Amino acid sequence: MPKVKIYGAGSIGNHLANASRHLGWEVHICDIDNDALERTKTKIYPERYGQWDEQIRLYNSNDLPSGDYDYIFIGTPPDSHLELALQALQESPKAILIEKPLCTPKLENANKLFELSRKQSTKIFVGYDHVVSKATQQLEGWLAGTSIENIVTIDVEFREHWQGIFNAHPWLAGPSDTYLGYWERGGGACGEHSHATNLWQHLAHQTGAGRIIEVMAMMQFVKDGSAHYDCLCSLNFKTESGLIGRAIQDVVTSPARKWGRIQAKQGAYEFHIGHQPGIDLVQEFSTQDVLQEVSFKKTRPDDFIQELQHIEKVLNDTSIDSGISLQRGLDTMLVVAAAYLSAKESRAVRICYDKGYVSSALELI
């Protein structure tokens, strides 16, 4: 039976624990806060999944065992991710999963983790779970017969008021109580809702358009007490092949809109995450009509179960180019960092991947 260590007893930690137990894995959750561990046992887990699972073991981080885990999952705030990932890498598990966003826009230790990971057998993944959903897999199947020459543009939106996040964390009074209210810690719309940027990148890869090399951003920032975050970011991208498109991310839209469109010369493809409650939808269009559409029923726990099943699949077949690999997550962070620089300077930013995952890889144009 695979054995899992989960850092963080918050919302993500509980989702990953439940998904792991669904797959029959042994689960240990740790947190620096004993109140968080108690909340997991008495409130979050039983209220979400029906009852507490007595097979799950809870630890204060100071009393945590090490070195005997198949998987290590990191579900703490982004500004602690890379330090914990570097520690986890020393234990040589089969896989490490780091929740998104991978790190802060400063990119501290990002390149160090990348270089160390290349020297070890441990696979590292980043938690952009929508990339491995059944809806995305269906979309990939349709795109398989589409060449980059036929693609006109890509648009992705991840617009969702973050009240839903606070509803899932009722012990938080608002953004200032957590990293979410601080863009420099990985919060704000550009970091927290970077699913849109990541999905845009993924679709660009699927169509052969390559990596994002230019970013132009406009953002709206909020200062509320100590909190300082972007509530809205509009991003324009250009890829290595010259494809141009955009992504919009915000924490103000209600009802939510999580949508994407790949516009081709002879038609289009769309996806709608949460098209209806518990349903994702993908559509293929001709120039005038819907040719076909497929819907997928799911629950929120299904997102994480699908993600862990994907990790198992990749570990069993090393030829798979995972959409949630460490490198893809790092590419996303370069775009996020470039977006903040672009918004600050009101100029486009070029990403120079050959310089590594460091701030100096970003150049004002």
Protein backbone atom coordinates (compact mmCIF):
# COMPACT_ATOMS: atom_id res chain seq x y z
CA MET A 1 0.00 0.00 0.00
CA PRO A 2 1.49 3.39 -0.98
CA LYS A 3 2.24 5.67 1.95
CA VAL A 4 1.58 9.41 1.71
CA LYS A 5 2.77 12.40 3.74
CA ILE A 6 0.75 15.59 3.35
CA TYR A 7 2.04 18.97 4.47
CA GLY A 8 -0.84 21.25 5.41
CA ALA A 9 -4.15 20.48 7.12
CA GLY A 10 -6.13 23.13 5.26
CA SER A 11 -8.60 22.72 2.41
CA ILE A 12 -6.15 21.29 -0.13
CA GLY A 13 -4.57 18.94 2.40
CA ASN A 14 -7.99 17.49 3.18
CA HIS A 15 -8.83 17.06 -0.51
CA LEU A 16 -5.55 15.26 -1.13
CA ALA A 17 -6.04 13.09 1.93
CA ASN A 18 -9.52 12.08 0.82
CA ALA A 19 -8.34 11.34 -2.73
CA SER A 20 -5.48 9.25 -1.37
CA ARG A 21 -7.80 7.26 0.87
CA HIS A 22 -10.15 6.74 -2.08
CA LEU A 23 -7.23 5.02 -3.82
CA GLY A 24 -6.53 2.92 -0.74
CA TRP A 25 -3.32 4.69 0.32
CA GLU A 26 -2.00 5.15 3.85
CA VAL A 27 -2.19 8.85 4.79
CA HIS A 28 -0.29 10.98 7.30
CA ILE A 29 -1.18 14.69 7.55
CA CYS A 30 1.09 17.18 9.29
CA ASP A 31 0.77 20.85 10.18
CA ILE A 32 2.64 23.38 12.30
CA ASP A 33 -0.70 24.35 13.90
CA ASN A 34 -2.36 21.86 16.27
CA ASP A 35 -5.63 23.75 15.90
CA ALA A 36 -5.54 23.05 12.17
CA LEU A 37 -5.08 19.34 12.83
CA GLU A 38 -8.01 19.33 15.23
CA ARG A 39 -10.13 21.25 12.72
CA THR A 40 -9.33 18.63 10.07
CA LYS A 41 -10.50 15.79 12.31
CA THR A 42 -13.59 17.38 13.82
CA LYS A 43 -14.84 19.76 11.13
CA ILE A 44 -13.36 19.90 7.60
CA TYR A 45 -13.00 16.21 6.75
CA PRO A 46 -16.22 14.89 8.33
CA GLU A 47 -18.32 17.77 6.98
CA ARG A 48 -17.01 17.30 3.44
CA TYR A 49 -16.83 13.55 3.18
CA GLY A 50 -19.42 12.30 5.67
CA GLN A 51 -17.23 11.15 8.52
CA TRP A 52 -13.67 11.22 9.81
CA ASP A 53 -11.43 8.44 8.51
CA GLU A 54 -9.77 6.83 11.52
CA GLN A 55 -7.07 5.39 9.27
CA ILE A 56 -5.62 8.88 8.73
CA ARG A 57 -2.85 9.80 11.15
CA LEU A 58 -2.21 13.38 12.24
CA TYR A 59 1.14 14.87 13.27
CA ASN A 60 2.50 18.19 14.36
CA SER A 61 5.25 19.03 11.88
CA ASN A 62 7.83 18.93 14.68
CA ASP A 63 7.02 15.26 15.35
CA LEU A 64 6.85 14.15 11.75
CA PRO A 65 8.43 10.88 10.59
CA SER A 66 10.56 11.05 7.45
CA GLY A 67 12.19 8.88 4.83
CA ASP A 68 9.53 6.20 4.51
CA TYR A 69 7.00 7.69 2.09
CA ASP A 70 6.11 6.83 -1.48
CA TYR A 71 4.48 10.20 -2.07
CA ILE A 72 4.85 13.61 -0.44
CA PHE A 73 2.19 16.26 -1.08
CA ILE A 74 2.67 19.93 -0.21
CA GLY A 75 -0.55 21.86 0.42
CA THR A 76 0.79 24.78 2.45
CA PRO A 77 0.89 28.48 1.39
CA PRO A 78 3.00 29.18 -1.74
CA ASP A 79 5.79 31.00 0.10
CA SER A 80 6.65 27.75 1.92
CA HIS A 81 6.36 25.39 -1.06
CA LEU A 82 9.91 25.33 -2.35
CA GLU A 83 11.59 25.01 1.04
CA LEU A 84 9.38 22.02 1.83
CA ALA A 85 9.90 20.57 -1.65
CA LEU A 86 13.67 20.73 -1.27
CA GLN A 87 13.36 18.94 2.07
CA ALA A 88 11.02 16.36 0.55
CA LEU A 89 13.43 15.69 -2.30
CA GLN A 90 16.03 14.59 0.25
CA GLU A 91 13.68 11.76 1.30
CA SER A 92 13.65 10.39 -2.29
CA PRO A 93 9.94 9.54 -2.57
CA LYS A 94 8.56 8.27 -5.86
CA ALA A 95 6.71 11.54 -6.40
CA ILE A 96 6.19 14.99 -4.91
CA LEU A 97 3.04 16.99 -5.62
CA ILE A 98 3.16 20.73 -4.92
CA GLU A 99 -0.07 22.72 -4.85
CA LYS A 100 -0.35 25.67 -7.23
CA PRO A 101 0.95 28.30 -7.53
CA LEU A 102 4.34 26.63 -7.28
CA CYS A 103 6.04 29.54 -5.53
CA THR A 104 6.02 33.33 -5.19
CA PRO A 105 6.71 35.70 -8.11
CA LYS A 106 10.24 36.22 -6.75
CA LEU A 107 11.10 32.69 -7.98
CA GLU A 108 13.49 32.13 -5.06
CA ASN A 109 14.87 28.57 -5.16
CA ALA A 110 12.79 27.73 -8.26
CA ASN A 111 15.82 27.00 -10.42
CA LYS A 112 17.53 25.18 -7.55
CA LEU A 113 14.60 22.77 -7.26
CA PHE A 114 14.56 22.25 -11.01
CA GLU A 115 18.27 21.47 -11.21
CA LEU A 116 18.20 19.12 -8.22
CA SER A 117 15.14 17.32 -9.58
CA ARG A 118 16.99 16.52 -12.80
CA LYS A 119 19.59 14.56 -10.80
CA GLN A 120 17.09 12.35 -8.96
CA SER A 121 14.49 9.79 -9.89
CA THR A 122 11.73 11.50 -7.89
CA LYS A 123 9.02 12.91 -10.16
CA ILE A 124 7.69 16.33 -9.19
CA PHE A 125 4.24 17.58 -10.12
CA VAL A 126 2.38 20.88 -9.66
CA GLY A 127 -1.32 20.87 -8.75
CA TYR A 128 -2.96 22.35 -11.83
CA ASP A 129 -5.60 19.65 -11.69
CA HIS A 130 -7.81 21.01 -14.49
CA VAL A 131 -5.10 20.11 -17.01
CA VAL A 132 -5.61 16.40 -16.28
CA SER A 133 -9.41 16.44 -16.10
CA LYS A 134 -11.55 14.22 -18.31
CA ALA A 135 -12.85 17.31 -20.11
CA THR A 136 -9.31 18.39 -21.00
CA GLN A 137 -8.48 14.89 -22.18
CA GLN A 138 -11.47 14.99 -24.51
CA LEU A 139 -10.37 18.37 -25.83
CA GLU A 140 -6.86 17.04 -26.42
CA GLY A 141 -8.30 14.22 -28.51
CA TRP A 142 -10.06 16.70 -30.78
CA LEU A 143 -6.99 18.91 -31.03
CA ALA A 144 -4.78 15.98 -32.02
CA GLY A 145 -5.84 16.41 -35.64
CA THR A 146 -5.39 20.20 -35.66
CA SER A 147 -2.12 21.78 -36.83
CA ILE A 148 -0.68 25.03 -35.52
CA GLU A 149 -1.15 26.51 -39.00
CA ASN A 150 -4.91 26.18 -38.50
CA ILE A 151 -5.01 27.86 -35.05
CA VAL A 152 -5.87 31.58 -35.00
CA THR A 153 -5.85 32.35 -31.27
CA ILE A 154 -6.47 30.96 -27.79
CA ASP A 155 -8.50 32.61 -25.02
CA VAL A 156 -8.85 31.34 -21.43
CA GLU A 157 -10.71 32.89 -18.51
CA PHE A 158 -10.66 31.87 -14.87
CA ARG A 159 -12.94 34.43 -13.29
CA GLU A 160 -14.31 33.55 -9.87
CA HIS A 161 -15.10 35.58 -6.78
CA TRP A 162 -12.97 34.16 -4.03
CA GLN A 163 -15.79 34.11 -1.49
CA GLY A 164 -16.01 30.43 -2.32
CA ILE A 165 -12.50 29.98 -0.97
CA PHE A 166 -13.41 31.71 2.27
CA ASN A 167 -16.61 29.66 2.54
CA ALA A 168 -14.35 26.59 2.50
CA HIS A 169 -12.14 28.23 5.15
CA PRO A 170 -14.66 29.75 7.60
CA TRP A 171 -11.94 30.27 10.20
CA LEU A 172 -10.49 33.01 7.94
CA ALA A 173 -12.07 36.47 8.17
CA GLY A 174 -10.83 37.55 4.75
CA PRO A 175 -7.85 37.96 2.39
CA SER A 176 -5.60 39.61 4.98
CA ASP A 177 -5.77 36.48 7.18
CA THR A 178 -4.00 34.38 4.57
CA TYR A 179 -1.47 34.52 1.74
CA LEU A 180 -4.38 35.14 -0.65
CA GLY A 181 -4.35 38.83 0.23
CA TYR A 182 -0.68 39.33 -0.63
CA TRP A 183 0.48 39.09 -4.22
CA GLU A 184 4.12 38.86 -3.18
CA ARG A 185 3.32 35.67 -1.24
CA GLY A 186 1.65 34.01 -4.24
CA GLY A 187 -1.89 35.29 -3.64
CA GLY A 188 -4.05 37.63 -5.68
CA ALA A 189 -5.75 36.81 -8.96
CA CYS A 190 -2.57 36.27 -10.97
CA GLY A 191 -1.20 33.67 -8.56
CA GLU A 192 -4.24 32.01 -6.99
CA HIS A 193 -6.18 31.74 -10.24
CA SER A 194 -3.19 30.96 -12.43
CA HIS A 195 -5.16 27.95 -13.68
CA ALA A 196 -6.03 30.17 -16.66
CA THR A 197 -2.38 30.87 -17.51
CA ASN A 198 -1.51 27.22 -17.04
CA LEU A 199 -4.42 26.02 -19.18
CA TRP A 200 -3.47 28.52 -21.89
CA GLN A 201 0.08 27.17 -21.88
CA HIS A 202 -1.18 23.60 -21.97
CA LEU A 203 -3.40 24.26 -24.98
CA ALA A 204 -0.55 26.06 -26.73
CA HIS A 205 1.60 22.96 -26.24
CA GLN A 206 -1.19 20.71 -27.49
CA THR A 207 -1.48 22.72 -30.72
CA GLY A 208 2.28 22.89 -31.24
CA ALA A 209 2.48 26.63 -30.60
CA GLY A 210 5.30 26.29 -28.07
CA ARG A 211 6.01 28.21 -24.89
CA ILE A 212 4.92 31.73 -24.01
CA ILE A 213 7.81 34.10 -24.74
CA GLU A 214 6.13 37.52 -24.41
CA VAL A 215 3.72 38.82 -21.77
CA MET A 216 1.82 42.09 -21.60
CA ALA A 217 -0.29 42.61 -18.47
CA MET A 218 -2.73 45.07 -16.97
CA MET A 219 -3.79 44.59 -13.33
CA GLN A 220 -6.06 46.22 -10.81
CA PHE A 221 -4.62 46.21 -7.28
CA VAL A 222 -6.38 46.49 -3.94
CA LYS A 223 -4.92 47.74 -0.67
CA ASP A 224 -7.03 46.78 2.33
CA GLY A 225 -5.26 47.23 5.65
CA SER A 226 -2.14 45.12 5.43
CA ALA A 227 -3.44 43.19 2.40
CA HIS A 228 -2.15 44.13 -1.06
CA TYR A 229 -3.27 42.04 -4.00
CA ASP A 230 -4.41 42.14 -7.62
CA CYS A 231 -8.13 41.48 -7.93
CA LEU A 232 -8.09 41.48 -11.74
CA CYS A 233 -5.40 40.72 -14.29
CA SER A 234 -5.67 40.78 -18.07
CA LEU A 235 -2.78 39.04 -19.83
CA ASN A 236 -1.76 39.00 -23.48
CA PHE A 237 0.63 36.29 -24.66
CA LYS A 238 2.83 35.47 -27.62
CA THR A 239 4.37 32.04 -28.12
CA GLU A 240 7.54 30.74 -29.74
CA SER A 241 5.60 30.09 -32.95
CA GLY A 242 4.09 33.58 -32.97
CA LEU A 243 0.60 32.60 -31.74
CA ILE A 244 -1.09 35.46 -29.88
CA GLY A 245 -3.87 35.11 -27.31
CA ARG A 246 -5.04 36.18 -23.89
CA ALA A 247 -5.96 35.01 -20.41
CA ILE A 248 -8.07 36.80 -17.81
CA GLN A 249 -8.01 35.96 -14.12
CA ASP A 250 -9.92 37.65 -11.33
CA VAL A 251 -11.28 37.18 -7.82
CA VAL A 252 -14.40 39.34 -8.32
CA THR A 253 -16.68 37.58 -10.83
CA SER A 254 -19.90 35.98 -9.59
CA PRO A 255 -21.27 33.69 -10.88
CA ALA A 256 -17.93 32.23 -11.88
CA ARG A 257 -16.82 31.86 -15.49
CA LYS A 258 -14.12 29.26 -16.18
CA TRP A 259 -13.94 29.03 -19.93
CA GLY A 260 -11.59 28.64 -22.82
CA ARG A 261 -11.71 28.76 -26.62
CA ILE A 262 -9.29 27.64 -29.30
CA GLN A 263 -10.24 29.51 -32.45
CA ALA A 264 -9.25 27.76 -35.67
CA LYS A 265 -9.68 28.83 -39.29
CA GLN A 266 -12.44 26.31 -39.93
CA GLY A 267 -14.10 26.20 -36.54
CA ALA A 268 -13.37 26.28 -32.83
CA TYR A 269 -13.16 24.27 -29.62
CA GLU A 270 -14.43 25.38 -26.22
CA PHE A 271 -14.39 24.13 -22.67
CA HIS A 272 -16.60 25.23 -19.79
CA ILE A 273 -15.49 24.22 -16.29
CA GLY A 274 -18.57 24.08 -14.09
CA HIS A 275 -20.88 24.68 -17.07
CA GLN A 276 -23.62 23.56 -14.70
CA PRO A 277 -23.14 22.53 -11.07
CA GLY A 278 -21.05 19.36 -11.15
CA ILE A 279 -20.68 19.31 -14.94
CA ASP A 280 -17.81 20.23 -17.27
CA LEU A 281 -18.58 20.69 -20.96
CA VAL A 282 -16.43 20.62 -24.11
CA GLN A 283 -17.67 21.62 -27.57
CA GLU A 284 -16.45 21.43 -31.14
CA PHE A 285 -17.75 24.00 -33.63
CA SER A 286 -17.75 24.40 -37.37
CA THR A 287 -17.78 27.97 -38.66
CA GLN A 288 -21.51 28.13 -37.94
CA ASP A 289 -22.75 25.23 -35.82
CA VAL A 290 -21.90 23.01 -32.87
CA LEU A 291 -20.58 19.75 -34.36
CA GLN A 292 -20.44 17.83 -31.09
CA GLU A 293 -20.38 18.36 -27.37
CA VAL A 294 -19.52 16.10 -24.46
CA SER A 295 -20.27 16.68 -20.78
CA PHE A 296 -18.60 15.15 -17.75
CA LYS A 297 -20.19 14.82 -14.35
CA LYS A 298 -17.84 15.32 -11.43
CA THR A 299 -17.56 16.42 -7.84
CA ARG A 300 -14.80 18.57 -6.36
CA PRO A 301 -13.14 15.48 -4.79
CA ASP A 302 -13.08 13.91 -8.26
CA ASP A 303 -10.63 16.61 -9.40
CA PHE A 304 -8.05 15.39 -6.91
CA ILE A 305 -8.72 11.71 -7.46
CA GLN A 306 -8.14 12.24 -11.19
CA GLU A 307 -4.94 14.13 -10.42
CA LEU A 308 -3.52 11.34 -8.25
CA GLN A 309 -4.50 8.71 -10.82
CA HIS A 310 -2.60 10.73 -13.41
CA ILE A 311 0.50 10.75 -11.20
CA GLU A 312 0.27 6.96 -10.83
CA LYS A 313 -0.04 6.62 -14.60
CA VAL A 314 3.03 8.78 -15.23
CA LEU A 315 5.08 6.83 -12.71
CA ASN A 316 4.14 3.61 -14.51
CA ASP A 317 4.82 5.01 -17.98
CA THR A 318 7.78 7.40 -18.12
CA SER A 319 7.09 8.19 -21.79
CA ILE A 320 4.09 10.34 -20.80
CA ASP A 321 4.67 14.08 -21.13
CA SER A 322 2.72 15.21 -18.07
CA GLY A 323 0.81 18.47 -18.25
CA ILE A 324 1.38 18.95 -14.49
CA SER A 325 5.12 18.28 -14.51
CA LEU A 326 7.47 20.47 -12.49
CA GLN A 327 8.75 22.10 -15.67
CA ARG A 328 5.24 23.08 -16.78
CA GLY A 329 4.58 24.52 -13.33
CA LEU A 330 7.83 26.46 -13.46
CA ASP A 331 6.97 27.77 -16.92
CA THR A 332 3.70 29.04 -15.45
CA MET A 333 5.56 30.81 -12.65
CA LEU A 334 7.82 32.56 -15.15
CA VAL A 335 4.70 33.89 -16.85
CA VAL A 336 3.19 34.97 -13.52
CA ALA A 337 6.41 36.77 -12.57
CA ALA A 338 6.57 38.35 -16.03
CA ALA A 339 2.97 39.53 -15.65
CA TYR A 340 3.69 41.40 -12.41
CA LEU A 341 6.78 43.00 -13.93
CA SER A 342 4.82 44.00 -17.03
CA ALA A 343 2.00 45.53 -14.96
CA LYS A 344 4.48 47.46 -12.83
CA GLU A 345 6.43 48.88 -15.78
CA SER A 346 3.53 49.14 -18.27
CA ARG A 347 5.70 47.35 -20.82
CA ALA A 348 5.83 43.96 -22.45
CA VAL A 349 8.21 41.39 -20.97
CA ARG A 350 10.21 38.76 -22.83
CA ILE A 351 10.88 35.38 -21.16
CA CYS A 352 14.36 33.96 -21.85
CA TYR A 353 14.05 30.29 -20.86
CA ASP A 354 17.72 29.59 -21.50
CA LYS A 355 18.58 31.65 -18.39
CA GLY A 356 16.67 29.27 -16.12
CA TYR A 357 13.84 29.83 -13.67
CA VAL A 358 15.16 33.06 -12.22
CA SER A 359 14.06 36.69 -12.23
CA SER A 360 16.88 37.61 -14.61
CA ALA A 361 15.14 35.49 -17.27
CA LEU A 362 12.61 38.33 -17.59
CA GLU A 363 13.53 41.22 -19.89
CA LEU A 364 11.57 44.39 -20.53
CA ILE A 365 10.87 44.97 -24.22
